[in-house]
PDB file of N, CA and C in Angstrom:
ATOM      1  N   MET A   1      -9.497  35.318 -25.854  1.00  0.00           N
ATOM      2  CA  MET A   1      -9.348  35.824 -27.023  1.00  0.00           C
ATOM      3  C   MET A   1      -8.583  36.963 -27.175  1.00  0.00           C
ATOM      4  N   SER A   2      -8.729  38.081 -26.226  1.00  0.00           N
ATOM      5  CA  SER A   2      -7.971  39.226 -26.077  1.00  0.00           C
ATOM      6  C   SER A   2      -6.494  38.865 -25.572  1.00  0.00           C
ATOM      7  N   TRP A   3      -6.358  37.937 -25.511  1.00  0.00           N
ATOM      8  CA  TRP A   3      -5.072  37.462 -24.275  1.00  0.00           C
ATOM      9  C   TRP A   3      -4.060  36.823 -25.506  1.00  0.00           C
ATOM     10  N   GLY A   4      -4.620  36.172 -26.696  1.00  0.00           N
ATOM     11  CA  GLY A   4      -4.124  35.339 -28.016  1.00  0.00           C
ATOM     12  C   GLY A   4      -3.318  36.575 -28.537  1.00  0.00           C
ATOM     13  N   VAL A   5      -4.436  38.021 -28.543  1.00  0.00           N
ATOM     14  CA  VAL A   5      -3.832  38.716 -29.657  1.00  0.00           C
ATOM     15  C   VAL A   5      -2.822  39.701 -29.200  1.00  0.00           C
ATOM     16  N   ILE A   6      -2.757  39.879 -27.947  1.00  0.00           N
ATOM     17  CA  ILE A   6      -1.646  41.210 -27.137  1.00  0.00           C
ATOM     18  C   ILE A   6      -0.672  40.160 -27.070  1.00  0.00           C
ATOM     19  N   SER A   7      -0.874  38.872 -26.742  1.00  0.00           N
ATOM     20  CA  SER A   7       0.654  38.395 -26.411  1.00  0.00           C
ATOM     21  C   SER A   7       1.430  38.238 -27.598  1.00  0.00           C
ATOM     22  N   VAL A   8       0.722  38.755 -28.664  1.00  0.00           N
ATOM     23  CA  VAL A   8       2.100  38.735 -29.811  1.00  0.00           C
ATOM     24  C   VAL A   8       2.500  39.877 -29.803  1.00  0.00           C
ATOM     25  N   GLY A   9       2.239  40.772 -29.373  1.00  0.00           N
ATOM     26  CA  GLY A   9       2.631  42.221 -29.224  1.00  0.00           C
ATOM     27  C   GLY A   9       3.964  42.126 -27.941  1.00  0.00           C
ATOM     28  N   LEU A  10       3.852  41.189 -27.488  1.00  0.00           N
ATOM     29  CA  LEU A  10       4.778  40.829 -25.885  1.00  0.00           C
ATOM     30  C   LEU A  10       5.961  40.001 -26.348  1.00  0.00           C
ATOM     31  N   PHE A  11       5.363  38.831 -27.251  1.00  0.00           N
ATOM     32  CA  PHE A  11       6.217  37.658 -27.706  1.00  0.00           C
ATOM     33  C   PHE A  11       6.639  37.563 -29.010  1.00  0.00           C
ATOM     34  N   ALA A  12       6.061  38.226 -29.599  1.00  0.00           N
ATOM     35  CA  ALA A  12       6.447  38.086 -30.892  1.00  0.00           C
ATOM     36  C   ALA A  12       8.083  38.695 -31.180  1.00  0.00           C
ATOM     37  N   SER A  13       8.941  36.854 -31.523  1.00  0.00           N
ATOM     38  CA  SER A  13      10.464  37.509 -31.820  1.00  0.00           C
ATOM     39  C   SER A  13      10.898  38.319 -33.291  1.00  0.00           C
ATOM     40  N   LYS A  14      12.142  38.424 -33.353  1.00  0.00           N
ATOM     41  CA  LYS A  14      12.811  39.023 -34.446  1.00  0.00           C
ATOM     42  C   LYS A  14      12.501  37.450 -35.520  1.00  0.00           C
ATOM     43  N   ARG A  15      12.770  36.670 -35.028  1.00  0.00           N
ATOM     44  CA  ARG A  15      13.085  35.262 -36.199  1.00  0.00           C
ATOM     45  C   ARG A  15      11.795  34.712 -36.610  1.00  0.00           C
ATOM     46  N   ALA A  16      10.610  34.573 -35.969  1.00  0.00           N
ATOM     47  CA  ALA A  16       9.496  34.121 -35.983  1.00  0.00           C
ATOM     48  C   ALA A  16       8.860  35.746 -37.128  1.00  0.00           C
ATOM     49  N   THR A  17       8.712  36.764 -36.780  1.00  0.00           N
ATOM     50  CA  THR A  17       8.401  38.050 -37.690  1.00  0.00           C
ATOM     51  C   THR A  17       9.009  37.891 -38.760  1.00  0.00           C
ATOM     52  N   THR A  18      10.482  37.571 -39.109  1.00  0.00           N
ATOM     53  CA  THR A  18      10.897  38.162 -40.183  1.00  0.00           C
ATOM     54  C   THR A  18      10.427  37.184 -40.906  1.00  0.00           C
ATOM     55  N   THR A  19      10.538  35.553 -40.381  1.00  0.00           N
ATOM     56  CA  THR A  19      10.138  34.315 -41.746  1.00  0.00           C
ATOM     57  C   THR A  19       8.789  34.302 -41.931  1.00  0.00           C
ATOM     58  N   ALA A  20       7.670  35.396 -40.860  1.00  0.00           N
ATOM     59  CA  ALA A  20       6.379  34.816 -41.221  1.00  0.00           C
ATOM     60  C   ALA A  20       5.979  35.990 -42.544  1.00  0.00           C
ATOM     61  N   TYR A  21       6.795  37.506 -42.159  1.00  0.00           N
ATOM     62  CA  TYR A  21       6.271  38.518 -43.561  1.00  0.00           C
ATOM     63  C   TYR A  21       7.322  38.871 -44.224  1.00  0.00           C
ATOM     64  N   THR A  22       8.707  38.020 -44.072  1.00  0.00           N
ATOM     65  CA  THR A  22       9.974  38.362 -45.084  1.00  0.00           C
ATOM     66  C   THR A  22      10.612  39.894 -44.765  1.00  0.00           C
ATOM     67  N   ILE A  23      10.367  40.738 -43.895  1.00  0.00           N
ATOM     68  CA  ILE A  23      10.569  41.925 -43.413  1.00  0.00           C
ATOM     69  C   ILE A  23      12.041  42.438 -43.203  1.00  0.00           C
ATOM     70  N   THR A  24      13.044  43.113 -44.040  1.00  0.00           N
ATOM     71  CA  THR A  24      14.648  43.613 -43.925  1.00  0.00           C
ATOM     72  C   THR A  24      14.294  44.573 -43.091  1.00  0.00           C
ATOM     73  N   ASP A  25      13.015  45.319 -42.659  1.00  0.00           N
ATOM     74  CA  ASP A  25      13.668  46.704 -41.676  1.00  0.00           C
ATOM     75  C   ASP A  25      14.233  46.189 -40.332  1.00  0.00           C
ATOM     76  N   THR A  26      14.549  47.079 -39.890  1.00  0.00           N
ATOM     77  CA  THR A  26      15.806  47.079 -38.569  1.00  0.00           C
ATOM     78  C   THR A  26      14.809  46.674 -37.586  1.00  0.00           C
ATOM     79  N   ASN A  27      13.337  47.272 -37.590  1.00  0.00           N
ATOM     80  CA  ASN A  27      12.665  46.927 -36.537  1.00  0.00           C
ATOM     81  C   ASN A  27      10.976  46.672 -36.891  1.00  0.00           C
ATOM     82  N   PRO A  28      10.868  45.793 -37.481  1.00  0.00           N
ATOM     83  CA  PRO A  28       9.341  45.456 -38.082  1.00  0.00           C
ATOM     84  C   PRO A  28       7.995  45.630 -37.384  1.00  0.00           C
ATOM     85  N   GLY A  29       8.520  45.634 -36.023  1.00  0.00           N
ATOM     86  CA  GLY A  29       7.821  45.099 -34.920  1.00  0.00           C
ATOM     87  C   GLY A  29       7.546  43.624 -34.059  1.00  0.00           C
ATOM     88  N   TYR A  30       8.810  43.844 -33.493  1.00  0.00           N
ATOM     89  CA  TYR A  30       8.801  42.415 -32.788  1.00  0.00           C
ATOM     90  C   TYR A  30       7.975  42.760 -31.281  1.00  0.00           C
ATOM     91  N   GLY A  31       8.043  41.641 -30.561  1.00  0.00           N
ATOM     92  CA  GLY A  31       7.028  41.766 -28.983  1.00  0.00           C
ATOM     93  C   GLY A  31       7.942  42.854 -27.931  1.00  0.00           C
ATOM     94  N   GLY A  32       7.216  43.236 -27.309  1.00  0.00           N
ATOM     95  CA  GLY A  32       7.476  43.906 -26.574  1.00  0.00           C
ATOM     96  C   GLY A  32       9.075  43.220 -25.330  1.00  0.00           C
ATOM     97  N   PHE A  33       8.929  41.979 -25.232  1.00  0.00           N
ATOM     98  CA  PHE A  33      10.142  41.217 -24.668  1.00  0.00           C
ATOM     99  C   PHE A  33      11.299  41.171 -25.703  1.00  0.00           C
ATOM    100  N   PHE A  34      11.052  41.731 -26.888  1.00  0.00           N
ATOM    101  CA  PHE A  34      12.455  41.076 -27.523  1.00  0.00           C
ATOM    102  C   PHE A  34      12.979  42.390 -28.526  1.00  0.00           C
ATOM    103  N   GLY A  35      12.803  43.679 -27.300  1.00  0.00           N
ATOM    104  CA  GLY A  35      13.222  45.042 -27.844  1.00  0.00           C
ATOM    105  C   GLY A  35      12.415  45.734 -29.356  1.00  0.00           C
ATOM    106  N   ASP A  36      11.033  45.661 -28.744  1.00  0.00           N
ATOM    107  CA  ASP A  36      10.036  46.454 -29.367  1.00  0.00           C
ATOM    108  C   ASP A  36      10.066  47.881 -28.391  1.00  0.00           C
ATOM    109  N   ASP A  37       9.843  48.849 -29.410  1.00  0.00           N
ATOM    110  CA  ASP A  37       9.301  50.181 -27.971  1.00  0.00           C
ATOM    111  C   ASP A  37       8.280  50.329 -27.851  1.00  0.00           C
ATOM    112  N   GLY A  38       7.248  49.012 -27.947  1.00  0.00           N
ATOM    113  CA  GLY A  38       5.945  49.297 -27.950  1.00  0.00           C
ATOM    114  C   GLY A  38       4.965  49.454 -29.349  1.00  0.00           C
ATOM    115  N   ILE A  39       5.504  49.492 -30.422  1.00  0.00           N
ATOM    116  CA  ILE A  39       4.916  49.807 -31.395  1.00  0.00           C
ATOM    117  C   ILE A  39       3.881  48.605 -31.643  1.00  0.00           C
ATOM    118  N   GLN A  40       4.620  47.304 -31.661  1.00  0.00           N
ATOM    119  CA  GLN A  40       3.529  46.335 -31.806  1.00  0.00           C
ATOM    120  C   GLN A  40       2.583  45.839 -30.742  1.00  0.00           C
ATOM    121  N   LEU A  41       3.045  46.069 -29.741  1.00  0.00           N
ATOM    122  CA  LEU A  41       1.701  46.006 -28.507  1.00  0.00           C
ATOM    123  C   LEU A  41       0.840  47.136 -29.076  1.00  0.00           C
ATOM    124  N   GLY A  42       0.775  48.075 -29.295  1.00  0.00           N
ATOM    125  CA  GLY A  42       0.192  48.740 -29.297  1.00  0.00           C
ATOM    126  C   GLY A  42      -1.058  48.888 -30.611  1.00  0.00           C
ATOM    127  N   ILE A  43      -0.473  48.165 -31.412  1.00  0.00           N
ATOM    128  CA  ILE A  43      -1.467  47.508 -32.439  1.00  0.00           C
ATOM    129  C   ILE A  43      -2.106  46.689 -32.327  1.00  0.00           C
ATOM    130  N   GLN A  44      -1.406  45.917 -31.462  1.00  0.00           N
ATOM    131  CA  GLN A  44      -2.361  44.637 -31.140  1.00  0.00           C
ATOM    132  C   GLN A  44      -3.666  45.114 -30.297  1.00  0.00           C
ATOM    133  N   VAL A  45      -3.560  46.107 -29.091  1.00  0.00           N
ATOM    134  CA  VAL A  45      -4.302  46.109 -28.272  1.00  0.00           C
ATOM    135  C   VAL A  45      -5.592  47.272 -29.391  1.00  0.00           C
ATOM    136  N   LEU A  46      -4.705  47.940 -30.127  1.00  0.00           N
ATOM    137  CA  LEU A  46      -6.093  48.975 -30.636  1.00  0.00           C
ATOM    138  C   LEU A  46      -6.847  47.365 -31.323  1.00  0.00           C
ATOM    139  N   GLY A  47      -6.269  46.857 -32.211  1.00  0.00           N
ATOM    140  CA  GLY A  47      -7.176  45.528 -33.288  1.00  0.00           C
ATOM    141  C   GLY A  47      -7.859  44.989 -32.007  1.00  0.00           C
ATOM    142  N   VAL A  48      -7.576  44.460 -30.612  1.00  0.00           N
ATOM    143  CA  VAL A  48      -8.446  44.303 -29.905  1.00  0.00           C
ATOM    144  C   VAL A  48      -9.771  45.107 -29.035  1.00  0.00           C
ATOM    145  N   VAL A  49      -9.366  46.427 -29.326  1.00  0.00           N
ATOM    146  CA  VAL A  49     -10.371  47.412 -29.150  1.00  0.00           C
ATOM    147  C   VAL A  49     -11.539  47.418 -30.496  1.00  0.00           C
ATOM    148  N   LEU A  50     -10.795  47.534 -31.898  1.00  0.00           N
ATOM    149  CA  LEU A  50     -11.463  47.248 -32.820  1.00  0.00           C
ATOM    150  C   LEU A  50     -12.537  46.345 -32.917  1.00  0.00           C
ATOM    151  N   ILE A  51     -12.130  45.275 -32.614  1.00  0.00           N
ATOM    152  CA  ILE A  51     -12.678  43.895 -32.724  1.00  0.00           C
ATOM    153  C   ILE A  51     -13.826  44.039 -31.607  1.00  0.00           C
ATOM    154  N   THR A  52     -13.235  44.428 -30.668  1.00  0.00           N
ATOM    155  CA  THR A  52     -14.794  44.585 -29.073  1.00  0.00           C
ATOM    156  C   THR A  52     -15.700  45.771 -29.955  1.00  0.00           C
ATOM    157  N   LEU A  53     -15.146  46.813 -30.530  1.00  0.00           N
ATOM    158  CA  LEU A  53     -16.460  47.454 -31.107  1.00  0.00           C
ATOM    159  C   LEU A  53     -17.384  47.182 -32.143  1.00  0.00           C
ATOM    160  N   TRP A  54     -16.675  46.367 -33.351  1.00  0.00           N
ATOM    161  CA  TRP A  54     -17.306  45.981 -34.395  1.00  0.00           C
ATOM    162  C   TRP A  54     -18.340  44.693 -33.759  1.00  0.00           C
ATOM    163  N   THR A  55     -17.788  43.781 -32.655  1.00  0.00           N
ATOM    164  CA  THR A  55     -18.811  42.844 -32.269  1.00  0.00           C
ATOM    165  C   THR A  55     -20.050  43.729 -31.278  1.00  0.00           C
ATOM    166  N   CYS A  56     -19.816  44.607 -30.526  1.00  0.00           N
ATOM    167  CA  CYS A  56     -20.543  45.344 -29.755  1.00  0.00           C
ATOM    168  C   CYS A  56     -21.445  45.949 -30.801  1.00  0.00           C
ATOM    169  N   GLY A  57     -21.081  46.400 -31.870  1.00  0.00           N
ATOM    170  CA  GLY A  57     -22.164  47.003 -33.012  1.00  0.00           C
ATOM    171  C   GLY A  57     -22.730  46.181 -33.723  1.00  0.00           C
ATOM    172  N   MET A  58     -22.209  45.391 -34.294  1.00  0.00           N
ATOM    173  CA  MET A  58     -22.853  44.360 -35.067  1.00  0.00           C
ATOM    174  C   MET A  58     -24.162  43.461 -33.447  1.00  0.00           C
ATOM    175  N   SER A  59     -23.665  43.567 -32.831  1.00  0.00           N
ATOM    176  CA  SER A  59     -24.805  42.304 -31.898  1.00  0.00           C
ATOM    177  C   SER A  59     -26.095  43.192 -31.428  1.00  0.00           C
ATOM    178  N   ALA A  60     -25.438  44.667 -31.425  1.00  0.00           N
ATOM    179  CA  ALA A  60     -26.599  45.689 -31.059  1.00  0.00           C
ATOM    180  C   ALA A  60     -27.786  45.818 -32.027  1.00  0.00           C
ATOM    181  N   ILE A  61     -27.133  46.154 -33.583  1.00  0.00           N
ATOM    182  CA  ILE A  61     -28.188  45.743 -34.770  1.00  0.00           C
ATOM    183  C   ILE A  61     -29.041  44.640 -34.819  1.00  0.00           C
ATOM    184  N   MET A  62     -28.341  43.442 -34.869  1.00  0.00           N
ATOM    185  CA  MET A  62     -29.036  42.386 -34.608  1.00  0.00           C
ATOM    186  C   MET A  62     -29.786  42.058 -33.656  1.00  0.00           C
ATOM    187  N   PHE A  63     -29.664  42.830 -32.219  1.00  0.00           N
ATOM    188  CA  PHE A  63     -30.617  42.807 -31.464  1.00  0.00           C
ATOM    189  C   PHE A  63     -31.854  43.341 -31.867  1.00  0.00           C
ATOM    190  N   MET A  64     -31.443  44.776 -31.835  1.00  0.00           N
ATOM    191  CA  MET A  64     -32.470  45.594 -32.056  1.00  0.00           C
ATOM    192  C   MET A  64     -33.512  45.481 -33.422  1.00  0.00           C
ATOM    193  N   ILE A  65     -33.199  44.471 -34.390  1.00  0.00           N
ATOM    194  CA  ILE A  65     -33.866  43.875 -35.101  1.00  0.00           C
ATOM    195  C   ILE A  65     -34.315  43.115 -34.644  1.00  0.00           C
ATOM    196  N   LEU A  66     -34.176  41.980 -33.839  1.00  0.00           N
ATOM    197  CA  LEU A  66     -34.816  41.152 -33.268  1.00  0.00           C
ATOM    198  C   LEU A  66     -36.196  41.961 -32.518  1.00  0.00           C
ATOM    199  N   LYS A  67     -35.938  42.629 -31.767  1.00  0.00           N
ATOM    200  CA  LYS A  67     -37.009  43.413 -30.805  1.00  0.00           C
ATOM    201  C   LYS A  67     -37.647  44.292 -31.676  1.00  0.00           C
ATOM    202  N   VAL A  68     -37.078  44.749 -33.059  1.00  0.00           N
ATOM    203  CA  VAL A  68     -38.780  45.305 -33.645  1.00  0.00           C
ATOM    204  C   VAL A  68     -39.060  44.439 -34.675  1.00  0.00           C
ATOM    205  N   THR A  69     -39.076  43.345 -34.785  1.00  0.00           N
ATOM    206  CA  THR A  69     -39.430  42.034 -35.602  1.00  0.00           C
ATOM    207  C   THR A  69     -40.476  41.416 -34.278  1.00  0.00           C
ATOM    208  N   GLY A  70     -40.052  41.515 -32.931  1.00  0.00           N
ATOM    209  CA  GLY A  70     -40.751  41.062 -31.994  1.00  0.00           C
ATOM    210  C   GLY A  70     -40.169  39.877 -31.357  1.00  0.00           C
ATOM    211  N   MET A  71     -39.242  39.541 -32.221  1.00  0.00           N
ATOM    212  CA  MET A  71     -38.587  38.214 -31.908  1.00  0.00           C
ATOM    213  C   MET A  71     -38.004  37.934 -30.712  1.00  0.00           C
ATOM    214  N   PHE A  72     -37.476  38.990 -30.131  1.00  0.00           N
ATOM    215  CA  PHE A  72     -36.627  39.144 -29.379  1.00  0.00           C
ATOM    216  C   PHE A  72     -37.113  38.164 -27.870  1.00  0.00           C
ATOM    217  N   ARG A  73     -38.418  38.085 -27.445  1.00  0.00           N
ATOM    218  CA  ARG A  73     -38.614  37.884 -26.430  1.00  0.00           C
ATOM    219  C   ARG A  73     -40.014  36.518 -26.905  1.00  0.00           C
ATOM    220  N   VAL A  74     -39.973  35.950 -25.577  1.00  0.00           N
ATOM    221  CA  VAL A  74     -41.461  35.285 -25.648  1.00  0.00           C
ATOM    222  C   VAL A  74     -42.376  35.991 -25.141  1.00  0.00           C
ATOM    223  N   SER A  75     -43.654  35.249 -25.283  1.00  0.00           N
ATOM    224  CA  SER A  75     -44.779  36.318 -25.124  1.00  0.00           C
ATOM    225  C   SER A  75     -45.122  36.062 -23.459  1.00  0.00           C
ATOM    226  N   GLU A  76     -45.721  36.612 -22.759  1.00  0.00           N
ATOM    227  CA  GLU A  76     -45.841  36.017 -21.043  1.00  0.00           C
ATOM    228  C   GLU A  76     -46.917  34.860 -21.074  1.00  0.00           C
ATOM    229  N   GLU A  77     -47.412  34.772 -22.041  1.00  0.00           N
ATOM    230  CA  GLU A  77     -48.115  33.088 -21.634  1.00  0.00           C
ATOM    231  C   GLU A  77     -46.841  32.230 -21.445  1.00  0.00           C
ATOM    232  N   GLU A  78     -46.349  32.271 -22.413  1.00  0.00           N
ATOM    233  CA  GLU A  78     -45.176  31.379 -23.048  1.00  0.00           C
ATOM    234  C   GLU A  78     -43.882  31.477 -21.642  1.00  0.00           C
ATOM    235  N   GLU A  79     -43.897  32.118 -21.433  1.00  0.00           N
ATOM    236  CA  GLU A  79     -43.174  32.533 -20.039  1.00  0.00           C
ATOM    237  C   GLU A  79     -44.019  32.226 -18.723  1.00  0.00           C
ATOM    238  N   ASP A  80     -45.137  32.616 -18.687  1.00  0.00           N
ATOM    239  CA  ASP A  80     -45.784  31.662 -17.556  1.00  0.00           C
ATOM    240  C   ASP A  80     -46.109  30.200 -17.542  1.00  0.00           C
ATOM    241  N   MET A  81     -46.143  29.734 -18.813  1.00  0.00           N
ATOM    242  CA  MET A  81     -46.071  28.292 -19.015  1.00  0.00           C
ATOM    243  C   MET A  81     -44.666  27.571 -18.650  1.00  0.00           C
ATOM    244  N   GLY A  82     -43.632  28.302 -19.033  1.00  0.00           N
ATOM    245  CA  GLY A  82     -42.109  27.621 -18.797  1.00  0.00           C
ATOM    246  C   GLY A  82     -42.121  27.346 -20.353  1.00  0.00           C
ATOM    247  N   LEU A  83     -41.016  27.879 -21.075  1.00  0.00           N
ATOM    248  CA  LEU A  83     -41.019  27.306 -22.313  1.00  0.00           C
ATOM    249  C   LEU A  83     -40.461  25.706 -22.434  1.00  0.00           C
ATOM    250  N   ASP A  84     -40.576  25.209 -21.727  1.00  0.00           N
ATOM    251  CA  ASP A  84     -39.923  23.415 -21.740  1.00  0.00           C
ATOM    252  C   ASP A  84     -41.245  23.300 -22.353  1.00  0.00           C
ATOM    253  N   GLU A  85     -42.043  23.783 -21.801  1.00  0.00           N
ATOM    254  CA  GLU A  85     -43.633  23.076 -22.161  1.00  0.00           C
ATOM    255  C   GLU A  85     -44.078  23.652 -23.529  1.00  0.00           C
ATOM    256  N   SER A  86     -43.680  25.071 -23.460  1.00  0.00           N
ATOM    257  CA  SER A  86     -44.616  25.917 -24.730  1.00  0.00           C
ATOM    258  C   SER A  86     -43.804  25.421 -25.941  1.00  0.00           C
ATOM    259  N   HIS A  87     -42.304  25.503 -25.574  1.00  0.00           N
ATOM    260  CA  HIS A  87     -41.372  25.010 -26.948  1.00  0.00           C
ATOM    261  C   HIS A  87     -40.969  23.728 -27.278  1.00  0.00           C
ATOM    262  N   HIS A  88     -41.288  22.788 -26.334  1.00  0.00           N
ATOM    263  CA  HIS A  88     -40.686  21.455 -26.443  1.00  0.00           C
ATOM    264  C   HIS A  88     -42.029  20.355 -26.310  1.00  0.00           C
ATOM    265  N   GLY A  89     -42.889  20.991 -25.509  1.00  0.00           N
ATOM    266  CA  GLY A  89     -44.198  19.850 -25.459  1.00  0.00           C
ATOM    267  C   GLY A  89     -43.706  18.960 -23.956  1.00  0.00           C
ATOM    268  N   GLY A  90     -42.917  19.306 -22.651  1.00  0.00           N
ATOM    269  CA  GLY A  90     -42.922  18.486 -22.004  1.00  0.00           C
ATOM    270  C   GLY A  90     -42.239  19.274 -20.968  1.00  0.00           C
ATOM    271  N   SER A  91     -41.715  18.850 -19.825  1.00  0.00           N
ATOM    272  CA  SER A  91     -41.197  19.587 -18.807  1.00  0.00           C
ATOM    273  C   SER A  91     -39.794  18.618 -18.740  1.00  0.00           C
ATOM    274  N   ALA A  92     -38.819  19.390 -18.373  1.00  0.00           N
ATOM    275  CA  ALA A  92     -37.384  19.150 -18.310  1.00  0.00           C
ATOM    276  C   ALA A  92     -37.215  18.333 -17.398  1.00  0.00           C
ATOM    277  N   TYR A  93     -37.953  18.739 -15.989  1.00  0.00           N
ATOM    278  CA  TYR A  93     -37.707  17.913 -14.868  1.00  0.00           C
ATOM    279  C   TYR A  93     -38.898  17.087 -14.149  1.00  0.00           C
ATOM    280  N   ASP A  94     -38.618  16.007 -13.974  1.00  0.00           N
ATOM    281  CA  ASP A  94     -39.804  14.906 -13.429  1.00  0.00           C
ATOM    282  C   ASP A  94     -40.098  15.152 -12.062  1.00  0.00           C
ATOM    283  N   TYR A  95     -40.954  15.815 -11.709  1.00  0.00           N
ATOM    284  CA  TYR A  95     -40.973  16.118 -10.151  1.00  0.00           C
ATOM    285  C   TYR A  95     -41.163  14.791  -9.308  1.00  0.00           C
ATOM    286  N   GLY A  96     -42.329  14.476 -10.118  1.00  0.00           N
ATOM    287  CA  GLY A  96     -42.931  13.138  -9.264  1.00  0.00           C
ATOM    288  C   GLY A  96     -44.063  13.674  -8.217  1.00  0.00           C
ATOM    289  N   ALA A  97     -44.363  12.751  -7.570  1.00  0.00           N
ATOM    290  CA  ALA A  97     -45.543  12.863  -6.613  1.00  0.00           C
ATOM    291  C   ALA A  97     -44.547  13.900  -4.949  1.00  0.00           C
ATOM    292  N   THR A  98     -43.375  13.640  -4.819  1.00  0.00           N
ATOM    293  CA  THR A  98     -42.739  13.982  -3.764  1.00  0.00           C
ATOM    294  C   THR A  98     -42.142  15.457  -3.998  1.00  0.00           C
ATOM    295  N   GLY A  99     -42.273  16.138  -5.347  1.00  0.00           N
ATOM    296  CA  GLY A  99     -41.867  17.359  -5.403  1.00  0.00           C
ATOM    297  C   GLY A  99     -40.043  17.641  -5.659  1.00  0.00           C
ATOM    298  N   LYS A 100     -39.594  16.725  -5.625  1.00  0.00           N
ATOM    299  CA  LYS A 100     -38.048  16.419  -5.836  1.00  0.00           C
ATOM    300  C   LYS A 100     -37.720  15.600  -7.286  1.00  0.00           C
ATOM    301  N   VAL A 101     -36.716  16.419  -7.901  1.00  0.00           N
ATOM    302  CA  VAL A 101     -36.472  15.975  -9.174  1.00  0.00           C
ATOM    303  C   VAL A 101     -35.718  14.244  -9.157  1.00  0.00           C
ATOM    304  N   THR A 102     -36.675  13.517  -9.859  1.00  0.00           N
ATOM    305  CA  THR A 102     -36.068  11.900 -10.060  1.00  0.00           C
ATOM    306  C   THR A 102     -35.060  11.716 -11.056  1.00  0.00           C
ATOM    307  N   ALA A 103     -34.564  11.066 -10.793  1.00  0.00           N
ATOM    308  CA  ALA A 103     -33.411  10.703 -12.116  1.00  0.00           C
ATOM    309  C   ALA A 103     -34.249   9.661 -13.360  1.00  0.00           C
TER     310      ALA A 103
END
């Protein structure tokens, strides 16, 4: 995801930017390879940083809620039994008499 956002700050051409945003300014934020002074690249990097902070913050809130409500982890009994058996009612692997997985 980051590369897609940052690459706009490098590869945005004057024609594409003008067509997309109908900007008549002399330098509305082209890519670094097309004569921009780095402003557009800086904006794109800032966007990646803000998206990362937002995602981490929202994830932290969600995980805290799950932890407080007791939904973040399974009990030790379920862990010892194995989640395949405790949640799905059977083993995911058939070891058979040989102790090896059979197809």
